[in-house]
């Protein structure tokens, strides 16, 4: 259920901003797929997910693999968190060393 919810929210965009607190919690889930998809969903929400910046900075340490789809190939949770951070707050991403100065 958590996995399906994170996957579904990823395609909604800024309209899913009410889900930001739950997605922040999902970044700490036991399942890497949930953590990675939560980061993807937060990135899809964009600037409306600014409250997630500290949690995404922490999630950049998560080197677990996750799958965006059952037929896909593995992605790193840390890469999803970095990508989300750059979409939500480019300045915070620069300070974290993700985007060029």
Foldseek 3Di string as FASTA:
>chain_A
DLLVVLLVLLPPELVCLVCLVVLLVQCPDPDQQSNQSSLSSLLRNAQSNVVSLVSLLVQLVFQDWYASDPPGDTDGSNVSSLNSNCRRPVVSSVVSVNDPD
